[in-house]
Structures are given as structure tokens and as C-alpha cells.
Amino acid sequence: MTEQPRHSGRRLLVLAGLLVVCYAVAGIGGWASADAGDVYGSLNRPTWAPPGWLFGPVWTVLYGTIAVAAWIVLRSPGSAPRVAMAWWSAQLALNLAWTPLFFAAGEYGLAFADICLLLAAVVVTIVHFSRTSRGAAVLLVPYALWVAFASALNLSIWLVNT
């Protein structure tokens, strides 16, 4: 009987750790490009570009789902999530690189290359997660769709502002 609560406590610690990692990526990206709102506002953007205020709430939700999806994979019984989590880590690193490339460095072409790699890594992560948990894979679909949209926006901004 005492095994279950301790095991549940460990699971919650793992979830908390994954949330910290994901929101740290967001925080580091924000810190590395503190004037992102001003930069975004100064760019020539397509008419379909969302307002700058929308990015914060969307990414807040997405980072939470990225963490929960990884948590589901890690706690799935009998799973061997090593490869899936390697892809999860790779996509998170590419995610981390994009914000400073785009906003701080103004390297829209490099940022586009990064976000294309990010999208590919997210898709591969979804495929690997689906082998362990369909639910975890489904949690990453909105993230993939948002990154695909952001890729098109990045390309459009790059082409119009260079």
C-alpha cells in the first residue's frame, strides 16, 4: 500500500521537471530576445499574421502539452522511450534556437531553416510517441500545426523584409 503513493509522488516530480524544462525553454527564448514584441511590430507582415499578443497565450498552452506528452510516454508501462525522448529533446533544442535567431539576431533565413528542422523533428517525435501512446502523440498535433503555421509566417516575413 505504501508503494503506490511514493510511486505517484515520483510521477508528479517527473511531470513537474518536464514542465520546468519546457517553460525554461520559453523563458530563455524570451530573455534572449526581450524586444521581440517591438521587433515583430516593426516587421512587414502578411495580412494573415496574428497579432503579437496572441503568441504568449498560444505558446503557454503548447509548452504545457509538450511536457504532458513526454510525461505520458515516460510513464507508459513496458515502453522504451529512449529514442522518442531523444527526438523530443531535439525538437525542444530547435525550438529554443528559433526565438533568438529570429528576434535577437534578425536572421530570418537561418530562423526559417531552424523552424523547418523543428517541424520535421516534431513530426518524427509524434511518430515515435504514437508507438507508445496515441494520446501523447495527439497532444503534440496542435504544436505541429502551430509550428507549420509559424514556418509559413517566418518564410513570408523573411521574403518581405530582406
N, C-alpha and C. Protein backbone atom coordinates (compact mmCIF):
# COMPACT_ATOMS: atom_id res chain seq x y z
N MET A 1 0.82 -1.19 0.00
CA MET A 1 0.00 0.00 0.00
C MET A 1 0.86 1.26 0.00
N THR A 2 1.98 1.24 0.69
CA THR A 2 2.81 2.45 0.74
C THR A 2 3.57 2.67 -0.57
N GLU A 3 3.66 1.65 -1.40
CA GLU A 3 4.39 1.79 -2.67
C GLU A 3 3.68 2.74 -3.64
N GLN A 4 2.35 2.68 -3.69
CA GLN A 4 1.59 3.48 -4.65
C GLN A 4 1.77 4.99 -4.44
N PRO A 5 1.59 5.53 -3.22
CA PRO A 5 1.76 6.98 -3.06
C PRO A 5 3.17 7.45 -3.41
N ARG A 6 4.18 6.68 -3.03
CA ARG A 6 5.55 7.08 -3.34
C ARG A 6 5.76 7.08 -4.85
N HIS A 7 5.22 6.05 -5.51
CA HIS A 7 5.32 5.97 -6.97
C HIS A 7 4.60 7.16 -7.62
N SER A 8 3.42 7.50 -7.10
CA SER A 8 2.67 8.65 -7.62
C SER A 8 3.45 9.94 -7.40
N GLY A 9 4.10 10.05 -6.27
CA GLY A 9 4.91 11.24 -5.99
C GLY A 9 6.05 11.38 -6.98
N ARG A 10 6.68 10.30 -7.33
CA ARG A 10 7.76 10.33 -8.33
C ARG A 10 7.22 10.75 -9.69
N ARG A 11 6.05 10.21 -10.04
CA ARG A 11 5.45 10.58 -11.33
C ARG A 11 5.17 12.08 -11.39
N LEU A 12 4.66 12.61 -10.31
CA LEU A 12 4.38 14.05 -10.28
C LEU A 12 5.67 14.87 -10.33
N LEU A 13 6.72 14.37 -9.70
CA LEU A 13 8.02 15.06 -9.79
C LEU A 13 8.55 15.06 -11.22
N VAL A 14 8.37 13.95 -11.91
CA VAL A 14 8.79 13.88 -13.31
C VAL A 14 7.99 14.88 -14.15
N LEU A 15 6.68 14.93 -13.94
CA LEU A 15 5.85 15.90 -14.66
C LEU A 15 6.30 17.32 -14.35
N ALA A 16 6.54 17.61 -13.09
CA ALA A 16 7.00 18.95 -12.71
C ALA A 16 8.33 19.28 -13.38
N GLY A 17 9.23 18.31 -13.43
CA GLY A 17 10.52 18.53 -14.09
C GLY A 17 10.37 18.80 -15.57
N LEU A 18 9.49 18.06 -16.22
CA LEU A 18 9.26 18.29 -17.65
C LEU A 18 8.64 19.66 -17.91
N LEU A 19 7.72 20.05 -17.04
CA LEU A 19 7.12 21.39 -17.16
C LEU A 19 8.18 22.48 -16.96
N VAL A 20 9.06 22.28 -15.99
CA VAL A 20 10.14 23.25 -15.76
C VAL A 20 11.03 23.35 -16.99
N VAL A 21 11.38 22.21 -17.57
CA VAL A 21 12.23 22.23 -18.77
C VAL A 21 11.55 22.99 -19.90
N CYS A 22 10.30 22.67 -20.16
CA CYS A 22 9.59 23.32 -21.28
C CYS A 22 9.43 24.82 -21.04
N TYR A 23 9.03 25.20 -19.84
CA TYR A 23 8.86 26.63 -19.57
C TYR A 23 10.20 27.35 -19.44
N ALA A 24 11.27 26.63 -19.12
CA ALA A 24 12.60 27.23 -19.14
C ALA A 24 13.00 27.56 -20.58
N VAL A 25 12.65 26.68 -21.51
CA VAL A 25 12.92 26.96 -22.93
C VAL A 25 12.19 28.24 -23.32
N ALA A 26 10.95 28.37 -22.91
CA ALA A 26 10.19 29.59 -23.20
C ALA A 26 10.84 30.81 -22.56
N GLY A 27 11.24 30.67 -21.31
CA GLY A 27 11.85 31.79 -20.59
C GLY A 27 13.18 32.20 -21.18
N ILE A 28 14.01 31.24 -21.53
CA ILE A 28 15.31 31.55 -22.14
C ILE A 28 15.11 32.23 -23.48
N GLY A 29 14.17 31.71 -24.26
CA GLY A 29 13.88 32.33 -25.55
C GLY A 29 13.40 33.76 -25.37
N GLY A 30 12.54 33.98 -24.39
CA GLY A 30 12.05 35.33 -24.12
C GLY A 30 13.15 36.25 -23.62
N TRP A 31 14.00 35.73 -22.77
CA TRP A 31 15.10 36.52 -22.24
C TRP A 31 16.10 36.88 -23.36
N ALA A 32 16.36 35.93 -24.24
CA ALA A 32 17.34 36.14 -25.31
C ALA A 32 16.83 37.13 -26.35
N SER A 33 15.56 37.38 -26.36
CA SER A 33 15.00 38.33 -27.32
C SER A 33 13.93 39.17 -26.64
N ALA A 34 14.37 39.92 -25.65
CA ALA A 34 13.47 40.70 -24.81
C ALA A 34 12.63 41.70 -25.59
N ASP A 35 13.12 42.17 -26.72
CA ASP A 35 12.37 43.15 -27.51
C ASP A 35 11.60 42.51 -28.66
N ALA A 36 11.20 41.25 -28.50
CA ALA A 36 10.51 40.52 -29.57
C ALA A 36 9.23 41.24 -30.00
N GLY A 37 8.49 41.77 -29.05
CA GLY A 37 7.25 42.48 -29.40
C GLY A 37 7.51 43.68 -30.28
N ASP A 38 8.56 44.43 -29.96
CA ASP A 38 8.90 45.60 -30.78
C ASP A 38 9.38 45.17 -32.16
N VAL A 39 10.20 44.13 -32.20
CA VAL A 39 10.71 43.63 -33.49
C VAL A 39 9.55 43.17 -34.35
N TYR A 40 8.66 42.35 -33.78
CA TYR A 40 7.52 41.83 -34.54
C TYR A 40 6.65 42.97 -35.05
N GLY A 41 6.43 43.97 -34.20
CA GLY A 41 5.61 45.11 -34.60
C GLY A 41 6.23 45.94 -35.71
N SER A 42 7.56 45.93 -35.81
CA SER A 42 8.23 46.74 -36.82
C SER A 42 8.37 46.04 -38.17
N LEU A 43 8.08 44.76 -38.22
CA LEU A 43 8.26 44.00 -39.45
C LEU A 43 7.09 44.18 -40.42
N ASN A 44 7.39 44.10 -41.69
CA ASN A 44 6.33 43.98 -42.68
C ASN A 44 5.83 42.55 -42.58
N ARG A 45 4.52 42.41 -42.32
CA ARG A 45 3.93 41.09 -42.11
C ARG A 45 2.78 40.89 -43.09
N PRO A 46 2.50 39.63 -43.42
CA PRO A 46 1.34 39.38 -44.28
C PRO A 46 0.04 39.72 -43.55
N THR A 47 -1.01 39.91 -44.29
CA THR A 47 -2.30 40.27 -43.67
C THR A 47 -2.82 39.17 -42.75
N TRP A 48 -2.40 37.95 -42.97
CA TRP A 48 -2.87 36.83 -42.16
C TRP A 48 -2.03 36.60 -40.91
N ALA A 49 -1.05 37.46 -40.67
CA ALA A 49 -0.20 37.34 -39.48
C ALA A 49 -1.03 37.65 -38.23
N PRO A 50 -0.89 36.83 -37.19
CA PRO A 50 -1.64 37.10 -35.95
C PRO A 50 -1.06 38.30 -35.22
N PRO A 51 -1.85 38.91 -34.35
CA PRO A 51 -1.32 40.00 -33.54
C PRO A 51 -0.28 39.46 -32.56
N GLY A 52 0.66 40.30 -32.20
CA GLY A 52 1.75 39.89 -31.32
C GLY A 52 1.29 39.34 -29.98
N TRP A 53 0.20 39.86 -29.43
CA TRP A 53 -0.27 39.43 -28.11
C TRP A 53 -0.72 37.96 -28.10
N LEU A 54 -1.02 37.39 -29.27
CA LEU A 54 -1.52 36.02 -29.32
C LEU A 54 -0.45 34.97 -29.05
N PHE A 55 0.79 35.29 -29.34
CA PHE A 55 1.86 34.29 -29.23
C PHE A 55 2.07 33.79 -27.80
N GLY A 56 2.03 34.67 -26.83
CA GLY A 56 2.24 34.28 -25.43
C GLY A 56 1.24 33.24 -24.95
N PRO A 57 -0.07 33.50 -25.08
CA PRO A 57 -1.04 32.50 -24.63
C PRO A 57 -0.95 31.18 -25.41
N VAL A 58 -0.73 31.25 -26.72
CA VAL A 58 -0.63 30.02 -27.51
C VAL A 58 0.56 29.19 -27.04
N TRP A 59 1.72 29.83 -26.92
CA TRP A 59 2.92 29.08 -26.51
C TRP A 59 2.82 28.57 -25.09
N THR A 60 2.13 29.31 -24.22
CA THR A 60 1.96 28.84 -22.84
C THR A 60 1.23 27.50 -22.83
N VAL A 61 0.16 27.40 -23.60
CA VAL A 61 -0.59 26.14 -23.68
C VAL A 61 0.25 25.06 -24.35
N LEU A 62 0.91 25.41 -25.46
CA LEU A 62 1.68 24.41 -26.21
C LEU A 62 2.82 23.83 -25.37
N TYR A 63 3.55 24.67 -24.65
CA TYR A 63 4.64 24.15 -23.82
C TYR A 63 4.11 23.19 -22.76
N GLY A 64 2.93 23.47 -22.23
CA GLY A 64 2.32 22.55 -21.27
C GLY A 64 2.00 21.21 -21.92
N THR A 65 1.44 21.23 -23.12
CA THR A 65 1.11 19.96 -23.79
C THR A 65 2.37 19.20 -24.21
N ILE A 66 3.42 19.92 -24.55
CA ILE A 66 4.69 19.26 -24.90
C ILE A 66 5.22 18.49 -23.69
N ALA A 67 5.14 19.11 -22.52
CA ALA A 67 5.61 18.45 -21.29
C ALA A 67 4.72 17.26 -20.92
N VAL A 68 3.41 17.44 -20.98
CA VAL A 68 2.50 16.36 -20.60
C VAL A 68 2.64 15.18 -21.56
N ALA A 69 2.81 15.44 -22.84
CA ALA A 69 3.00 14.35 -23.81
C ALA A 69 4.24 13.53 -23.46
N ALA A 70 5.33 14.20 -23.14
CA ALA A 70 6.55 13.48 -22.75
C ALA A 70 6.33 12.68 -21.47
N TRP A 71 5.61 13.26 -20.53
CA TRP A 71 5.33 12.59 -19.27
C TRP A 71 4.54 11.31 -19.50
N ILE A 72 3.55 11.37 -20.38
CA ILE A 72 2.75 10.18 -20.70
C ILE A 72 3.64 9.09 -21.28
N VAL A 73 4.52 9.47 -22.19
CA VAL A 73 5.42 8.48 -22.80
C VAL A 73 6.35 7.88 -21.75
N LEU A 74 6.89 8.71 -20.90
CA LEU A 74 7.82 8.21 -19.88
C LEU A 74 7.17 7.29 -18.86
N ARG A 75 5.90 7.48 -18.59
CA ARG A 75 5.25 6.65 -17.58
C ARG A 75 4.49 5.48 -18.16
N SER A 76 4.51 5.32 -19.47
CA SER A 76 3.81 4.19 -20.08
C SER A 76 4.52 2.89 -19.72
N PRO A 77 3.74 1.91 -19.28
CA PRO A 77 4.35 0.64 -18.87
C PRO A 77 4.95 -0.11 -20.05
N GLY A 78 6.11 -0.68 -19.81
CA GLY A 78 6.75 -1.50 -20.81
C GLY A 78 7.32 -0.75 -21.99
N SER A 79 7.27 0.56 -21.95
CA SER A 79 7.77 1.32 -23.09
C SER A 79 9.28 1.51 -22.99
N ALA A 80 9.88 1.67 -24.13
CA ALA A 80 11.31 2.00 -24.20
C ALA A 80 11.40 3.36 -24.88
N PRO A 81 11.21 4.44 -24.11
CA PRO A 81 11.05 5.76 -24.72
C PRO A 81 12.36 6.47 -25.08
N ARG A 82 13.49 5.77 -25.05
CA ARG A 82 14.77 6.45 -25.25
C ARG A 82 14.82 7.20 -26.58
N VAL A 83 14.47 6.55 -27.67
CA VAL A 83 14.52 7.20 -28.99
C VAL A 83 13.48 8.31 -29.07
N ALA A 84 12.27 8.02 -28.59
CA ALA A 84 11.22 9.04 -28.61
C ALA A 84 11.63 10.28 -27.82
N MET A 85 12.24 10.07 -26.66
CA MET A 85 12.64 11.20 -25.84
C MET A 85 13.86 11.92 -26.42
N ALA A 86 14.68 11.21 -27.17
CA ALA A 86 15.79 11.88 -27.87
C ALA A 86 15.24 12.84 -28.91
N TRP A 87 14.22 12.40 -29.65
CA TRP A 87 13.58 13.30 -30.62
C TRP A 87 12.86 14.44 -29.91
N TRP A 88 12.22 14.15 -28.79
CA TRP A 88 11.55 15.19 -28.01
C TRP A 88 12.56 16.26 -27.58
N SER A 89 13.73 15.80 -27.13
CA SER A 89 14.78 16.73 -26.72
C SER A 89 15.31 17.53 -27.91
N ALA A 90 15.47 16.88 -29.04
CA ALA A 90 15.97 17.56 -30.24
C ALA A 90 15.00 18.65 -30.68
N GLN A 91 13.71 18.35 -30.69
CA GLN A 91 12.75 19.37 -31.12
C GLN A 91 12.73 20.53 -30.14
N LEU A 92 12.91 20.23 -28.86
CA LEU A 92 12.92 21.31 -27.87
C LEU A 92 14.16 22.19 -28.04
N ALA A 93 15.29 21.60 -28.38
CA ALA A 93 16.51 22.39 -28.63
C ALA A 93 16.33 23.27 -29.87
N LEU A 94 15.73 22.74 -30.90
CA LEU A 94 15.47 23.54 -32.11
C LEU A 94 14.47 24.65 -31.80
N ASN A 95 13.50 24.35 -30.97
CA ASN A 95 12.53 25.35 -30.53
C ASN A 95 13.26 26.48 -29.79
N LEU A 96 14.15 26.11 -28.91
CA LEU A 96 14.93 27.09 -28.15
C LEU A 96 15.76 27.99 -29.06
N ALA A 97 16.32 27.44 -30.11
CA ALA A 97 17.19 28.21 -31.01
C ALA A 97 16.42 29.21 -31.86
N TRP A 98 15.15 28.94 -32.16
CA TRP A 98 14.44 29.77 -33.13
C TRP A 98 14.26 31.21 -32.65
N THR A 99 13.80 31.42 -31.45
CA THR A 99 13.47 32.78 -30.99
C THR A 99 14.67 33.72 -31.04
N PRO A 100 15.83 33.34 -30.51
CA PRO A 100 16.98 34.25 -30.62
C PRO A 100 17.43 34.46 -32.07
N LEU A 101 17.34 33.42 -32.90
CA LEU A 101 17.71 33.58 -34.31
C LEU A 101 16.81 34.61 -34.98
N PHE A 102 15.53 34.49 -34.76
CA PHE A 102 14.58 35.36 -35.45
C PHE A 102 14.57 36.77 -34.85
N PHE A 103 14.37 36.87 -33.56
CA PHE A 103 14.16 38.18 -32.94
C PHE A 103 15.45 38.89 -32.54
N ALA A 104 16.35 38.21 -31.87
CA ALA A 104 17.57 38.87 -31.39
C ALA A 104 18.57 39.10 -32.51
N ALA A 105 18.78 38.08 -33.34
CA ALA A 105 19.78 38.18 -34.41
C ALA A 105 19.21 38.72 -35.70
N GLY A 106 17.91 38.68 -35.86
CA GLY A 106 17.30 39.13 -37.12
C GLY A 106 17.70 38.26 -38.30
N GLU A 107 18.05 37.04 -38.03
CA GLU A 107 18.48 36.09 -39.08
C GLU A 107 17.27 35.28 -39.54
N TYR A 108 16.42 35.92 -40.36
CA TYR A 108 15.16 35.30 -40.74
C TYR A 108 15.36 34.05 -41.59
N GLY A 109 16.39 34.03 -42.41
CA GLY A 109 16.68 32.84 -43.22
C GLY A 109 17.14 31.68 -42.37
N LEU A 110 18.06 31.93 -41.44
CA LEU A 110 18.51 30.87 -40.52
C LEU A 110 17.37 30.41 -39.62
N ALA A 111 16.56 31.37 -39.20
CA ALA A 111 15.41 31.01 -38.37
C ALA A 111 14.45 30.12 -39.16
N PHE A 112 14.28 30.41 -40.46
CA PHE A 112 13.41 29.57 -41.29
C PHE A 112 13.99 28.16 -41.41
N ALA A 113 15.29 28.05 -41.61
CA ALA A 113 15.92 26.72 -41.68
C ALA A 113 15.71 25.98 -40.36
N ASP A 114 15.89 26.68 -39.25
CA ASP A 114 15.69 26.08 -37.94
C ASP A 114 14.26 25.62 -37.75
N ILE A 115 13.29 26.45 -38.11
CA ILE A 115 11.90 26.08 -37.87
C ILE A 115 11.46 24.94 -38.79
N CYS A 116 12.05 24.83 -39.96
CA CYS A 116 11.77 23.68 -40.82
C CYS A 116 12.30 22.39 -40.19
N LEU A 117 13.51 22.47 -39.64
CA LEU A 117 14.05 21.32 -38.91
C LEU A 117 13.20 21.01 -37.68
N LEU A 118 12.75 22.06 -37.00
CA LEU A 118 11.88 21.90 -35.84
C LEU A 118 10.60 21.16 -36.23
N LEU A 119 9.97 21.58 -37.31
CA LEU A 119 8.74 20.93 -37.76
C LEU A 119 9.00 19.45 -38.06
N ALA A 120 10.08 19.17 -38.75
CA ALA A 120 10.41 17.77 -39.04
C ALA A 120 10.63 16.98 -37.76
N ALA A 121 11.33 17.57 -36.80
CA ALA A 121 11.60 16.89 -35.53
C ALA A 121 10.31 16.66 -34.74
N VAL A 122 9.40 17.61 -34.79
CA VAL A 122 8.11 17.44 -34.10
C VAL A 122 7.34 16.29 -34.74
N VAL A 123 7.32 16.23 -36.06
CA VAL A 123 6.60 15.14 -36.74
C VAL A 123 7.22 13.78 -36.39
N VAL A 124 8.55 13.71 -36.39
CA VAL A 124 9.21 12.45 -36.02
C VAL A 124 8.91 12.11 -34.56
N THR A 125 8.88 13.10 -33.69
CA THR A 125 8.53 12.87 -32.29
C THR A 125 7.12 12.32 -32.18
N ILE A 126 6.19 12.88 -32.94
CA ILE A 126 4.81 12.38 -32.93
C ILE A 126 4.77 10.91 -33.35
N VAL A 127 5.50 10.58 -34.39
CA VAL A 127 5.54 9.20 -34.86
C VAL A 127 6.06 8.27 -33.75
N HIS A 128 7.16 8.66 -33.12
CA HIS A 128 7.72 7.83 -32.05
C HIS A 128 6.81 7.78 -30.83
N PHE A 129 6.20 8.90 -30.47
CA PHE A 129 5.28 8.91 -29.33
C PHE A 129 4.08 8.02 -29.61
N SER A 130 3.61 7.99 -30.86
CA SER A 130 2.43 7.18 -31.19
C SER A 130 2.68 5.70 -30.98
N ARG A 131 3.92 5.28 -31.03
CA ARG A 131 4.26 3.86 -30.80
C ARG A 131 4.09 3.47 -29.34
N THR A 132 4.12 4.47 -28.46
CA THR A 132 3.96 4.23 -27.03
C THR A 132 2.58 4.64 -26.55
N SER A 133 2.11 5.80 -27.01
CA SER A 133 0.83 6.32 -26.54
C SER A 133 0.21 7.20 -27.61
N ARG A 134 -0.94 6.79 -28.08
CA ARG A 134 -1.66 7.61 -29.07
C ARG A 134 -2.02 8.97 -28.47
N GLY A 135 -2.40 8.96 -27.20
CA GLY A 135 -2.75 10.21 -26.53
C GLY A 135 -1.61 11.20 -26.49
N ALA A 136 -0.41 10.72 -26.21
CA ALA A 136 0.76 11.59 -26.19
C ALA A 136 1.03 12.16 -27.58
N ALA A 137 0.87 11.34 -28.60
CA ALA A 137 1.07 11.81 -29.97
C ALA A 137 0.04 12.87 -30.34
N VAL A 138 -1.21 12.64 -29.97
CA VAL A 138 -2.28 13.59 -30.28
C VAL A 138 -2.04 14.93 -29.59
N LEU A 139 -1.49 14.89 -28.38
CA LEU A 139 -1.20 16.14 -27.67
C LEU A 139 -0.20 17.02 -28.43
N LEU A 140 0.63 16.42 -29.25
CA LEU A 140 1.63 17.19 -30.00
C LEU A 140 1.11 17.70 -31.35
N VAL A 141 -0.04 17.26 -31.78
CA VAL A 141 -0.57 17.69 -33.08
C VAL A 141 -0.81 19.20 -33.14
N PRO A 142 -1.44 19.82 -32.13
CA PRO A 142 -1.59 21.29 -32.20
C PRO A 142 -0.24 22.02 -32.28
N TYR A 143 0.75 21.50 -31.61
CA TYR A 143 2.11 22.05 -31.66
C TYR A 143 2.65 21.97 -33.09
N ALA A 144 2.50 20.81 -33.72
CA ALA A 144 2.96 20.65 -35.10
C ALA A 144 2.23 21.62 -36.04
N LEU A 145 0.93 21.76 -35.84
CA LEU A 145 0.16 22.67 -36.69
C LEU A 145 0.59 24.12 -36.49
N TRP A 146 0.84 24.49 -35.23
CA TRP A 146 1.29 25.86 -34.95
C TRP A 146 2.68 26.11 -35.54
N VAL A 147 3.57 25.14 -35.42
CA VAL A 147 4.91 25.29 -35.98
C VAL A 147 4.84 25.36 -37.51
N ALA A 148 3.94 24.60 -38.13
CA ALA A 148 3.77 24.69 -39.58
C ALA A 148 3.29 26.08 -39.97
N PHE A 149 2.33 26.62 -39.23
CA PHE A 149 1.84 27.97 -39.47
C PHE A 149 2.97 28.99 -39.25
N ALA A 150 3.71 28.83 -38.16
CA ALA A 150 4.81 29.75 -37.87
C ALA A 150 5.90 29.66 -38.93
N SER A 151 6.09 28.48 -39.52
CA SER A 151 7.06 28.32 -40.60
C SER A 151 6.66 29.16 -41.80
N ALA A 152 5.38 29.08 -42.16
CA ALA A 152 4.88 29.89 -43.29
C ALA A 152 5.01 31.38 -42.99
N LEU A 153 4.71 31.76 -41.75
CA LEU A 153 4.84 33.16 -41.36
C LEU A 153 6.30 33.60 -41.39
N ASN A 154 7.19 32.78 -40.88
CA ASN A 154 8.63 33.08 -40.91
C ASN A 154 9.09 33.28 -42.35
N LEU A 155 8.72 32.38 -43.25
CA LEU A 155 9.11 32.48 -44.65
C LEU A 155 8.59 33.77 -45.26
N SER A 156 7.33 34.07 -45.00
CA SER A 156 6.73 35.27 -45.55
C SER A 156 7.46 36.52 -45.05
N ILE A 157 7.73 36.58 -43.76
CA ILE A 157 8.43 37.73 -43.19
C ILE A 157 9.84 37.82 -43.75
N TRP A 158 10.50 36.71 -43.89
CA TRP A 158 11.86 36.70 -44.47
C TRP A 158 11.85 37.27 -45.89
N LEU A 159 10.91 36.82 -46.70
CA LEU A 159 10.87 37.26 -48.09
C LEU A 159 10.51 38.72 -48.23
N VAL A 160 9.67 39.21 -47.35
CA VAL A 160 9.21 40.60 -47.45
C VAL A 160 10.17 41.58 -46.81
N ASN A 161 10.96 41.13 -45.84
CA ASN A 161 11.81 42.05 -45.07
C ASN A 161 13.29 41.97 -45.40
N THR A 162 13.66 41.30 -46.48
CA THR A 162 15.09 41.26 -46.85
C THR A 162 15.32 41.95 -48.16
